[in-house]
């Protein structure tokens, strides 16, 4: 599985930056691996580099694909507190997650 291989390669990187996190998070998003994407976002948040809107959008999109609307909304609400401003992509993904809720 591509997402597992990506995580494995990522774990061998000594000091990954925001872009590295972003690429692997995007792979997880496209594979529907919302838990792995969320863990990556948490790891980035705990590093010396703050996540940006792109990092959040990938995780919100992963949550949308897996019907995790509550987590998607929580992430969207958290973004301004870390100066990652919501944009159309994240907002649309969170709205889509909510619409699937039934």
PDB file of N, CA and C in Angstrom:
ATOM      1  N   UNK A   1       0.843  -1.182   0.000  1.00  0.00           N
ATOM      2  CA  UNK A   1       0.000   0.000   0.000  1.00  0.00           C
ATOM      3  C   UNK A   1       0.885   1.241   0.000  1.00  0.00           C
ATOM      4  N   UNK A   2       0.553   2.152  -0.867  1.00  0.00           N
ATOM      5  CA  UNK A   2       1.358   3.353  -1.044  1.00  0.00           C
ATOM      6  C   UNK A   2       1.453   4.193   0.226  1.00  0.00           C
ATOM      7  N   UNK A   3       0.347   4.338   0.935  1.00  0.00           N
ATOM      8  CA  UNK A   3       0.369   5.176   2.132  1.00  0.00           C
ATOM      9  C   UNK A   3       1.285   4.594   3.200  1.00  0.00           C
ATOM     10  N   UNK A   4       1.326   3.267   3.319  1.00  0.00           N
ATOM     11  CA  UNK A   4       2.208   2.639   4.300  1.00  0.00           C
ATOM     12  C   UNK A   4       3.674   2.811   3.901  1.00  0.00           C
ATOM     13  N   UNK A   5       3.961   2.670   2.612  1.00  0.00           N
ATOM     14  CA  UNK A   5       5.320   2.879   2.129  1.00  0.00           C
ATOM     15  C   UNK A   5       5.745   4.326   2.352  1.00  0.00           C
ATOM     16  N   UNK A   6       4.834   5.246   2.113  1.00  0.00           N
ATOM     17  CA  UNK A   6       5.133   6.667   2.322  1.00  0.00           C
ATOM     18  C   UNK A   6       5.434   6.953   3.785  1.00  0.00           C
ATOM     19  N   UNK A   7       4.639   6.380   4.691  1.00  0.00           N
ATOM     20  CA  UNK A   7       4.889   6.572   6.116  1.00  0.00           C
ATOM     21  C   UNK A   7       6.229   5.974   6.529  1.00  0.00           C
ATOM     22  N   UNK A   8       6.547   4.834   5.963  1.00  0.00           N
ATOM     23  CA  UNK A   8       7.820   4.183   6.271  1.00  0.00           C
ATOM     24  C   UNK A   8       8.997   5.049   5.825  1.00  0.00           C
ATOM     25  N   UNK A   9       8.932   5.548   4.599  1.00  0.00           N
ATOM     26  CA  UNK A   9       9.994   6.434   4.114  1.00  0.00           C
ATOM     27  C   UNK A   9      10.064   7.714   4.936  1.00  0.00           C
ATOM     28  N   UNK A  10       8.920   8.256   5.266  1.00  0.00           N
ATOM     29  CA  UNK A  10       8.854   9.492   6.038  1.00  0.00           C
ATOM     30  C   UNK A  10       9.514   9.320   7.407  1.00  0.00           C
ATOM     31  N   UNK A  11       9.303   8.160   8.012  1.00  0.00           N
ATOM     32  CA  UNK A  11       9.867   7.939   9.346  1.00  0.00           C
ATOM     33  C   UNK A  11      11.396   7.892   9.325  1.00  0.00           C
ATOM     34  N   UNK A  12      11.977   7.680   8.154  1.00  0.00           N
ATOM     35  CA  UNK A  12      13.436   7.642   8.064  1.00  0.00           C
ATOM     36  C   UNK A  12      14.053   9.026   7.855  1.00  0.00           C
ATOM     37  N   UNK A  13      13.223  10.036   7.624  1.00  0.00           N
ATOM     38  CA  UNK A  13      13.712  11.395   7.427  1.00  0.00           C
ATOM     39  C   UNK A  13      14.089  11.976   8.786  1.00  0.00           C
ATOM     40  N   UNK A  14      15.298  12.505   8.882  1.00  0.00           N
ATOM     41  CA  UNK A  14      15.809  13.008  10.157  1.00  0.00           C
ATOM     42  C   UNK A  14      15.048  14.220  10.670  1.00  0.00           C
ATOM     43  N   UNK A  15      14.861  15.203   9.836  1.00  0.00           N
ATOM     44  CA  UNK A  15      14.212  16.441  10.261  1.00  0.00           C
ATOM     45  C   UNK A  15      13.219  16.901   9.191  1.00  0.00           C
ATOM     46  N   UNK A  16      12.054  16.255   9.129  1.00  0.00           N
ATOM     47  CA  UNK A  16      11.102  16.601   8.068  1.00  0.00           C
ATOM     48  C   UNK A  16      10.517  18.001   8.262  1.00  0.00           C
ATOM     49  N   UNK A  17      10.286  18.671   7.152  1.00  0.00           N
ATOM     50  CA  UNK A  17       9.675  19.995   7.182  1.00  0.00           C
ATOM     51  C   UNK A  17       8.205  19.916   6.821  1.00  0.00           C
ATOM     52  N   UNK A  18       7.598  21.074   6.753  1.00  0.00           N
ATOM     53  CA  UNK A  18       6.159  21.170   6.455  1.00  0.00           C
ATOM     54  C   UNK A  18       5.815  20.500   5.126  1.00  0.00           C
ATOM     55  N   UNK A  19       6.681  20.684   4.116  1.00  0.00           N
ATOM     56  CA  UNK A  19       6.410  20.100   2.796  1.00  0.00           C
ATOM     57  C   UNK A  19       6.425  18.582   2.851  1.00  0.00           C
ATOM     58  N   UNK A  20       7.363  18.007   3.592  1.00  0.00           N
ATOM     59  CA  UNK A  20       7.423  16.544   3.725  1.00  0.00           C
ATOM     60  C   UNK A  20       6.169  16.008   4.392  1.00  0.00           C
ATOM     61  N   UNK A  21       5.756  16.680   5.463  1.00  0.00           N
ATOM     62  CA  UNK A  21       4.513  16.292   6.122  1.00  0.00           C
ATOM     63  C   UNK A  21       3.344  16.406   5.144  1.00  0.00           C
ATOM     64  N   UNK A  22       3.348  17.472   4.362  1.00  0.00           N
ATOM     65  CA  UNK A  22       2.257  17.708   3.422  1.00  0.00           C
ATOM     66  C   UNK A  22       2.130  16.620   2.376  1.00  0.00           C
ATOM     67  N   UNK A  23       3.251  16.186   1.834  1.00  0.00           N
ATOM     68  CA  UNK A  23       3.223  15.142   0.804  1.00  0.00           C
ATOM     69  C   UNK A  23       2.682  13.841   1.371  1.00  0.00           C
ATOM     70  N   UNK A  24       3.178  13.439   2.522  1.00  0.00           N
ATOM     71  CA  UNK A  24       2.736  12.165   3.114  1.00  0.00           C
ATOM     72  C   UNK A  24       1.281  12.257   3.570  1.00  0.00           C
ATOM     73  N   UNK A  25       0.898  13.406   4.115  1.00  0.00           N
ATOM     74  CA  UNK A  25      -0.498  13.601   4.519  1.00  0.00           C
ATOM     75  C   UNK A  25      -1.423  13.511   3.314  1.00  0.00           C
ATOM     76  N   UNK A  26      -0.989  14.066   2.200  1.00  0.00           N
ATOM     77  CA  UNK A  26      -1.788  14.006   0.971  1.00  0.00           C
ATOM     78  C   UNK A  26      -1.954  12.568   0.486  1.00  0.00           C
ATOM     79  N   UNK A  27      -0.903  11.778   0.582  1.00  0.00           N
ATOM     80  CA  UNK A  27      -0.991  10.362   0.205  1.00  0.00           C
ATOM     81  C   UNK A  27      -1.999   9.647   1.114  1.00  0.00           C
ATOM     82  N   UNK A  28      -1.941   9.941   2.406  1.00  0.00           N
ATOM     83  CA  UNK A  28      -2.889   9.339   3.352  1.00  0.00           C
ATOM     84  C   UNK A  28      -4.321   9.775   3.036  1.00  0.00           C
ATOM     85  N   UNK A  29      -4.482  11.048   2.711  1.00  0.00           N
ATOM     86  CA  UNK A  29      -5.810  11.561   2.360  1.00  0.00           C
ATOM     87  C   UNK A  29      -6.375  10.802   1.166  1.00  0.00           C
ATOM     88  N   UNK A  30      -5.586  10.681   0.112  1.00  0.00           N
ATOM     89  CA  UNK A  30      -6.047  10.023  -1.109  1.00  0.00           C
ATOM     90  C   UNK A  30      -6.329   8.536  -0.889  1.00  0.00           C
ATOM     91  N   UNK A  31      -5.702   7.964   0.139  1.00  0.00           N
ATOM     92  CA  UNK A  31      -5.922   6.555   0.470  1.00  0.00           C
ATOM     93  C   UNK A  31      -7.018   6.372   1.513  1.00  0.00           C
ATOM     94  N   UNK A  32      -7.620   7.476   1.968  1.00  0.00           N
ATOM     95  CA  UNK A  32      -8.685   7.386   2.967  1.00  0.00           C
ATOM     96  C   UNK A  32      -8.184   7.027   4.358  1.00  0.00           C
ATOM     97  N   UNK A  33      -6.934   7.319   4.623  1.00  0.00           N
ATOM     98  CA  UNK A  33      -6.337   6.983   5.920  1.00  0.00           C
ATOM     99  C   UNK A  33      -6.363   8.203   6.838  1.00  0.00           C
ATOM    100  N   UNK A  34      -7.555   8.524   7.351  1.00  0.00           N
ATOM    101  CA  UNK A  34      -7.725   9.727   8.140  1.00  0.00           C
ATOM    102  C   UNK A  34      -6.953   9.677   9.453  1.00  0.00           C
ATOM    103  N   UNK A  35      -6.854   8.513  10.064  1.00  0.00           N
ATOM    104  CA  UNK A  35      -6.111   8.401  11.333  1.00  0.00           C
ATOM    105  C   UNK A  35      -4.628   8.708  11.126  1.00  0.00           C
ATOM    106  N   UNK A  36      -4.052   8.142  10.069  1.00  0.00           N
ATOM    107  CA  UNK A  36      -2.636   8.395   9.771  1.00  0.00           C
ATOM    108  C   UNK A  36      -2.427   9.873   9.440  1.00  0.00           C
ATOM    109  N   UNK A  37      -3.341  10.460   8.679  1.00  0.00           N
ATOM    110  CA  UNK A  37      -3.232  11.879   8.336  1.00  0.00           C
ATOM    111  C   UNK A  37      -3.318  12.739   9.591  1.00  0.00           C
ATOM    112  N   UNK A  38      -4.216  12.389  10.497  1.00  0.00           N
ATOM    113  CA  UNK A  38      -4.362  13.135  11.742  1.00  0.00           C
ATOM    114  C   UNK A  38      -3.111  13.008  12.606  1.00  0.00           C
ATOM    115  N   UNK A  39      -2.534  11.823  12.663  1.00  0.00           N
ATOM    116  CA  UNK A  39      -1.303  11.627  13.425  1.00  0.00           C
ATOM    117  C   UNK A  39      -0.165  12.470  12.851  1.00  0.00           C
ATOM    118  N   UNK A  40      -0.085  12.551  11.534  1.00  0.00           N
ATOM    119  CA  UNK A  40       0.936  13.387  10.909  1.00  0.00           C
ATOM    120  C   UNK A  40       0.736  14.859  11.267  1.00  0.00           C
ATOM    121  N   UNK A  41      -0.508  15.315  11.242  1.00  0.00           N
ATOM    122  CA  UNK A  41      -0.798  16.697  11.607  1.00  0.00           C
ATOM    123  C   UNK A  41      -0.401  16.962  13.060  1.00  0.00           C
ATOM    124  N   UNK A  42      -0.697  16.016  13.933  1.00  0.00           N
ATOM    125  CA  UNK A  42      -0.316  16.169  15.335  1.00  0.00           C
ATOM    126  C   UNK A  42       1.206  16.205  15.482  1.00  0.00           C
ATOM    127  N   UNK A  43       1.899  15.360  14.718  1.00  0.00           N
ATOM    128  CA  UNK A  43       3.354  15.357  14.754  1.00  0.00           C
ATOM    129  C   UNK A  43       3.925  16.686  14.289  1.00  0.00           C
ATOM    130  N   UNK A  44       3.356  17.236  13.235  1.00  0.00           N
ATOM    131  CA  UNK A  44       3.807  18.534  12.736  1.00  0.00           C
ATOM    132  C   UNK A  44       3.535  19.621  13.763  1.00  0.00           C
ATOM    133  N   UNK A  45       2.391  19.547  14.425  1.00  0.00           N
ATOM    134  CA  UNK A  45       2.040  20.538  15.444  1.00  0.00           C
ATOM    135  C   UNK A  45       3.014  20.494  16.616  1.00  0.00           C
ATOM    136  N   UNK A  46       3.542  19.319  16.913  1.00  0.00           N
ATOM    137  CA  UNK A  46       4.477  19.161  18.028  1.00  0.00           C
ATOM    138  C   UNK A  46       5.914  19.485  17.638  1.00  0.00           C
ATOM    139  N   UNK A  47       6.178  19.649  16.359  1.00  0.00           N
ATOM    140  CA  UNK A  47       7.524  19.987  15.901  1.00  0.00           C
ATOM    141  C   UNK A  47       7.723  21.506  15.986  1.00  0.00           C
ATOM    142  N   UNK A  48       8.851  21.948  15.554  1.00  0.00           N
ATOM    143  CA  UNK A  48       9.128  23.385  15.593  1.00  0.00           C
ATOM    144  C   UNK A  48       8.465  24.131  14.430  1.00  0.00           C
ATOM    145  N   UNK A  49       7.819  23.389  13.519  1.00  0.00           N
ATOM    146  CA  UNK A  49       7.155  23.982  12.363  1.00  0.00           C
ATOM    147  C   UNK A  49       5.648  23.897  12.546  1.00  0.00           C
ATOM    148  N   UNK A  50       4.975  25.003  12.384  1.00  0.00           N
ATOM    149  CA  UNK A  50       3.513  25.013  12.524  1.00  0.00           C
ATOM    150  C   UNK A  50       2.861  24.540  11.232  1.00  0.00           C
ATOM    151  N   UNK A  51       1.786  23.774  11.343  1.00  0.00           N
ATOM    152  CA  UNK A  51       1.052  23.369  10.142  1.00  0.00           C
ATOM    153  C   UNK A  51       0.421  24.574   9.457  1.00  0.00           C
ATOM    154  N   UNK A  52       0.273  24.491   8.154  1.00  0.00           N
ATOM    155  CA  UNK A  52      -0.388  25.562   7.416  1.00  0.00           C
ATOM    156  C   UNK A  52      -1.740  25.073   6.904  1.00  0.00           C
ATOM    157  N   UNK A  53      -2.415  25.923   6.160  1.00  0.00           N
ATOM    158  CA  UNK A  53      -3.748  25.582   5.656  1.00  0.00           C
ATOM    159  C   UNK A  53      -3.733  24.320   4.808  1.00  0.00           C
ATOM    160  N   UNK A  54      -2.704  24.155   4.017  1.00  0.00           N
ATOM    161  CA  UNK A  54      -2.597  22.977   3.161  1.00  0.00           C
ATOM    162  C   UNK A  54      -2.542  21.696   3.983  1.00  0.00           C
ATOM    163  N   UNK A  55      -1.767  21.710   5.062  1.00  0.00           N
ATOM    164  CA  UNK A  55      -1.688  20.536   5.934  1.00  0.00           C
ATOM    165  C   UNK A  55      -3.054  20.214   6.528  1.00  0.00           C
ATOM    166  N   UNK A  56      -3.732  21.239   7.026  1.00  0.00           N
ATOM    167  CA  UNK A  56      -5.065  21.037   7.597  1.00  0.00           C
ATOM    168  C   UNK A  56      -6.057  20.571   6.533  1.00  0.00           C
ATOM    169  N   UNK A  57      -6.016  21.172   5.357  1.00  0.00           N
ATOM    170  CA  UNK A  57      -6.961  20.803   4.306  1.00  0.00           C
ATOM    171  C   UNK A  57      -6.856  19.327   3.933  1.00  0.00           C
ATOM    172  N   UNK A  58      -5.638  18.805   3.880  1.00  0.00           N
ATOM    173  CA  UNK A  58      -5.462  17.387   3.547  1.00  0.00           C
ATOM    174  C   UNK A  58      -6.103  16.492   4.587  1.00  0.00           C
ATOM    175  N   UNK A  59      -5.932  16.846   5.850  1.00  0.00           N
ATOM    176  CA  UNK A  59      -6.511  16.025   6.920  1.00  0.00           C
ATOM    177  C   UNK A  59      -8.031  16.167   6.939  1.00  0.00           C
ATOM    178  N   UNK A  60      -8.523  17.382   6.751  1.00  0.00           N
ATOM    179  CA  UNK A  60      -9.979  17.589   6.691  1.00  0.00           C
ATOM    180  C   UNK A  60     -10.570  16.802   5.522  1.00  0.00           C
ATOM    181  N   UNK A  61      -9.904  16.792   4.385  1.00  0.00           N
ATOM    182  CA  UNK A  61     -10.379  16.027   3.220  1.00  0.00           C
ATOM    183  C   UNK A  61     -10.366  14.535   3.494  1.00  0.00           C
ATOM    184  N   UNK A  62      -9.342  14.058   4.200  1.00  0.00           N
ATOM    185  CA  UNK A  62      -9.298  12.634   4.570  1.00  0.00           C
ATOM    186  C   UNK A  62     -10.472  12.295   5.479  1.00  0.00           C
ATOM    187  N   UNK A  63     -10.765  13.181   6.417  1.00  0.00           N
ATOM    188  CA  UNK A  63     -11.909  12.964   7.314  1.00  0.00           C
ATOM    189  C   UNK A  63     -13.218  12.976   6.536  1.00  0.00           C
ATOM    190  N   UNK A  64     -13.324  13.857   5.560  1.00  0.00           N
ATOM    191  CA  UNK A  64     -14.532  13.929   4.731  1.00  0.00           C
ATOM    192  C   UNK A  64     -14.751  12.621   3.989  1.00  0.00           C
ATOM    193  N   UNK A  65     -13.691  12.055   3.454  1.00  0.00           N
ATOM    194  CA  UNK A  65     -13.807  10.808   2.689  1.00  0.00           C
ATOM    195  C   UNK A  65     -14.216   9.630   3.558  1.00  0.00           C
ATOM    196  N   UNK A  66     -13.955   9.733   4.851  1.00  0.00           N
ATOM    197  CA  UNK A  66     -14.252   8.621   5.765  1.00  0.00           C
ATOM    198  C   UNK A  66     -15.385   8.939   6.727  1.00  0.00           C
ATOM    199  N   UNK A  67     -16.194   9.950   6.383  1.00  0.00           N
ATOM    200  CA  UNK A  67     -17.372  10.318   7.179  1.00  0.00           C
ATOM    201  C   UNK A  67     -17.041  10.678   8.628  1.00  0.00           C
ATOM    202  N   UNK A  68     -15.948  11.351   8.842  1.00  0.00           N
ATOM    203  CA  UNK A  68     -15.543  11.813  10.178  1.00  0.00           C
ATOM    204  C   UNK A  68     -15.812  13.308  10.288  1.00  0.00           C
ATOM    205  N   UNK A  69     -17.093  13.660  10.171  1.00  0.00           N
ATOM    206  CA  UNK A  69     -17.485  15.060  10.120  1.00  0.00           C
ATOM    207  C   UNK A  69     -17.134  15.819  11.396  1.00  0.00           C
ATOM    208  N   UNK A  70     -17.241  15.178  12.547  1.00  0.00           N
ATOM    209  CA  UNK A  70     -16.926  15.844  13.811  1.00  0.00           C
ATOM    210  C   UNK A  70     -15.465  16.264  13.887  1.00  0.00           C
ATOM    211  N   UNK A  71     -14.591  15.386  13.447  1.00  0.00           N
ATOM    212  CA  UNK A  71     -13.160  15.698  13.452  1.00  0.00           C
ATOM    213  C   UNK A  71     -12.873  16.782  12.423  1.00  0.00           C
ATOM    214  N   UNK A  72     -13.511  16.689  11.265  1.00  0.00           N
ATOM    215  CA  UNK A  72     -13.325  17.716  10.227  1.00  0.00           C
ATOM    216  C   UNK A  72     -13.714  19.088  10.755  1.00  0.00           C
ATOM    217  N   UNK A  73     -14.845  19.189  11.441  1.00  0.00           N
ATOM    218  CA  UNK A  73     -15.283  20.475  11.992  1.00  0.00           C
ATOM    219  C   UNK A  73     -14.345  20.959  13.098  1.00  0.00           C
ATOM    220  N   UNK A  74     -13.874  20.046  13.925  1.00  0.00           N
ATOM    221  CA  UNK A  74     -12.936  20.405  14.986  1.00  0.00           C
ATOM    222  C   UNK A  74     -11.646  20.979  14.395  1.00  0.00           C
ATOM    223  N   UNK A  75     -11.147  20.335  13.355  1.00  0.00           N
ATOM    224  CA  UNK A  75      -9.923  20.818  12.709  1.00  0.00           C
ATOM    225  C   UNK A  75     -10.144  22.190  12.084  1.00  0.00           C
ATOM    226  N   UNK A  76     -11.271  22.362  11.432  1.00  0.00           N
ATOM    227  CA  UNK A  76     -11.592  23.642  10.812  1.00  0.00           C
ATOM    228  C   UNK A  76     -11.644  24.756  11.864  1.00  0.00           C
ATOM    229  N   UNK A  77     -12.244  24.456  13.008  1.00  0.00           N
ATOM    230  CA  UNK A  77     -12.341  25.440  14.093  1.00  0.00           C
ATOM    231  C   UNK A  77     -10.980  25.730  14.720  1.00  0.00           C
ATOM    232  N   UNK A  78     -10.100  24.763  14.724  1.00  0.00           N
ATOM    233  CA  UNK A  78      -8.774  24.913  15.323  1.00  0.00           C
ATOM    234  C   UNK A  78      -7.826  25.755  14.471  1.00  0.00           C
ATOM    235  N   UNK A  79      -8.061  25.800  13.179  1.00  0.00           N
ATOM    236  CA  UNK A  79      -7.126  26.451  12.265  1.00  0.00           C
ATOM    237  C   UNK A  79      -6.783  27.903  12.641  1.00  0.00           C
ATOM    238  N   UNK A  80      -7.739  28.781  12.888  1.00  0.00           N
ATOM    239  CA  UNK A  80      -7.380  30.166  13.219  1.00  0.00           C
ATOM    240  C   UNK A  80      -6.521  30.296  14.477  1.00  0.00           C
ATOM    241  N   UNK A  81      -6.690  29.372  15.423  1.00  0.00           N
ATOM    242  CA  UNK A  81      -5.905  29.438  16.656  1.00  0.00           C
ATOM    243  C   UNK A  81      -4.418  29.202  16.406  1.00  0.00           C
ATOM    244  N   UNK A  82      -4.103  28.513  15.305  1.00  0.00           N
ATOM    245  CA  UNK A  82      -2.691  28.255  14.974  1.00  0.00           C
ATOM    246  C   UNK A  82      -2.265  29.058  13.743  1.00  0.00           C
ATOM    247  N   UNK A  83      -3.062  30.066  13.423  1.00  0.00           N
ATOM    248  CA  UNK A  83      -2.791  30.971  12.295  1.00  0.00           C
ATOM    249  C   UNK A  83      -2.705  30.235  10.955  1.00  0.00           C
ATOM    250  N   UNK A  84      -3.513  29.216  10.807  1.00  0.00           N
ATOM    251  CA  UNK A  84      -3.690  28.520   9.529  1.00  0.00           C
ATOM    252  C   UNK A  84      -5.111  28.853   9.093  1.00  0.00           C
ATOM    253  N   UNK A  85      -5.243  29.799   8.201  1.00  0.00           N
ATOM    254  CA  UNK A  85      -6.555  30.343   7.874  1.00  0.00           C
ATOM    255  C   UNK A  85      -7.328  29.430   6.935  1.00  0.00           C
ATOM    256  N   UNK A  86      -8.577  29.124   7.295  1.00  0.00           N
ATOM    257  CA  UNK A  86      -9.408  28.273   6.445  1.00  0.00           C
ATOM    258  C   UNK A  86      -9.594  28.884   5.055  1.00  0.00           C
ATOM    259  N   UNK A  87      -9.636  28.032   4.056  1.00  0.00           N
ATOM    260  CA  UNK A  87      -9.888  28.480   2.692  1.00  0.00           C
ATOM    261  C   UNK A  87     -11.005  27.615   2.107  1.00  0.00           C
ATOM    262  N   UNK A  88     -11.325  27.853   0.865  1.00  0.00           N
ATOM    263  CA  UNK A  88     -12.437  27.150   0.217  1.00  0.00           C
ATOM    264  C   UNK A  88     -12.294  25.627   0.282  1.00  0.00           C
ATOM    265  N   UNK A  89     -11.080  25.128   0.114  1.00  0.00           N
ATOM    266  CA  UNK A  89     -10.868  23.677   0.071  1.00  0.00           C
ATOM    267  C   UNK A  89     -11.266  23.027   1.392  1.00  0.00           C
ATOM    268  N   UNK A  90     -10.735  23.541   2.491  1.00  0.00           N
ATOM    269  CA  UNK A  90     -11.044  22.973   3.800  1.00  0.00           C
ATOM    270  C   UNK A  90     -12.496  23.151   4.190  1.00  0.00           C
ATOM    271  N   UNK A  91     -13.032  24.330   3.900  1.00  0.00           N
ATOM    272  CA  UNK A  91     -14.433  24.607   4.230  1.00  0.00           C
ATOM    273  C   UNK A  91     -15.357  23.689   3.427  1.00  0.00           C
ATOM    274  N   UNK A  92     -15.073  23.537   2.136  1.00  0.00           N
ATOM    275  CA  UNK A  92     -15.903  22.665   1.285  1.00  0.00           C
ATOM    276  C   UNK A  92     -15.826  21.216   1.746  1.00  0.00           C
ATOM    277  N   UNK A  93     -14.630  20.756   2.121  1.00  0.00           N
ATOM    278  CA  UNK A  93     -14.479  19.372   2.581  1.00  0.00           C
ATOM    279  C   UNK A  93     -15.238  19.154   3.887  1.00  0.00           C
ATOM    280  N   UNK A  94     -15.167  20.124   4.803  1.00  0.00           N
ATOM    281  CA  UNK A  94     -15.902  20.004   6.071  1.00  0.00           C
ATOM    282  C   UNK A  94     -17.415  20.014   5.827  1.00  0.00           C
ATOM    283  N   UNK A  95     -17.865  20.885   4.918  1.00  0.00           N
ATOM    284  CA  UNK A  95     -19.301  20.919   4.591  1.00  0.00           C
ATOM    285  C   UNK A  95     -19.751  19.595   3.963  1.00  0.00           C
ATOM    286  N   UNK A  96     -18.919  19.046   3.100  1.00  0.00           N
ATOM    287  CA  UNK A  96     -19.264  17.769   2.472  1.00  0.00           C
ATOM    288  C   UNK A  96     -19.338  16.659   3.505  1.00  0.00           C
ATOM    289  N   UNK A  97     -18.399  16.679   4.453  1.00  0.00           N
ATOM    290  CA  UNK A  97     -18.424  15.674   5.525  1.00  0.00           C
ATOM    291  C   UNK A  97     -19.726  15.760   6.311  1.00  0.00           C
ATOM    292  N   UNK A  98     -20.152  16.978   6.596  1.00  0.00           N
ATOM    293  CA  UNK A  98     -21.415  17.174   7.343  1.00  0.00           C
ATOM    294  C   UNK A  98     -22.620  16.715   6.532  1.00  0.00           C
ATOM    295  N   UNK A  99     -22.589  16.955   5.228  1.00  0.00           N
ATOM    296  CA  UNK A  99     -23.745  16.571   4.395  1.00  0.00           C
ATOM    297  C   UNK A  99     -23.885  15.059   4.304  1.00  0.00           C
ATOM    298  N   UNK A 100     -22.804  14.327   4.467  1.00  0.00           N
ATOM    299  CA  UNK A 100     -22.856  12.856   4.411  1.00  0.00           C
ATOM    300  C   UNK A 100     -23.374  12.261   5.708  1.00  0.00           C
ATOM    301  N   UNK A 101     -23.458  13.058   6.706  1.00  0.00           N
ATOM    302  CA  UNK A 101     -23.851  12.603   8.040  1.00  0.00           C
ATOM    303  C   UNK A 101     -25.269  12.057   8.055  1.00  0.00           C
ATOM    304  N   UNK A 102     -26.071  12.516   7.133  1.00  0.00           N
ATOM    305  CA  UNK A 102     -27.409  11.963   7.045  1.00  0.00           C
ATOM    306  C   UNK A 102     -28.375  12.768   7.768  1.00  0.00           C
TER     307      UNK A 102
END
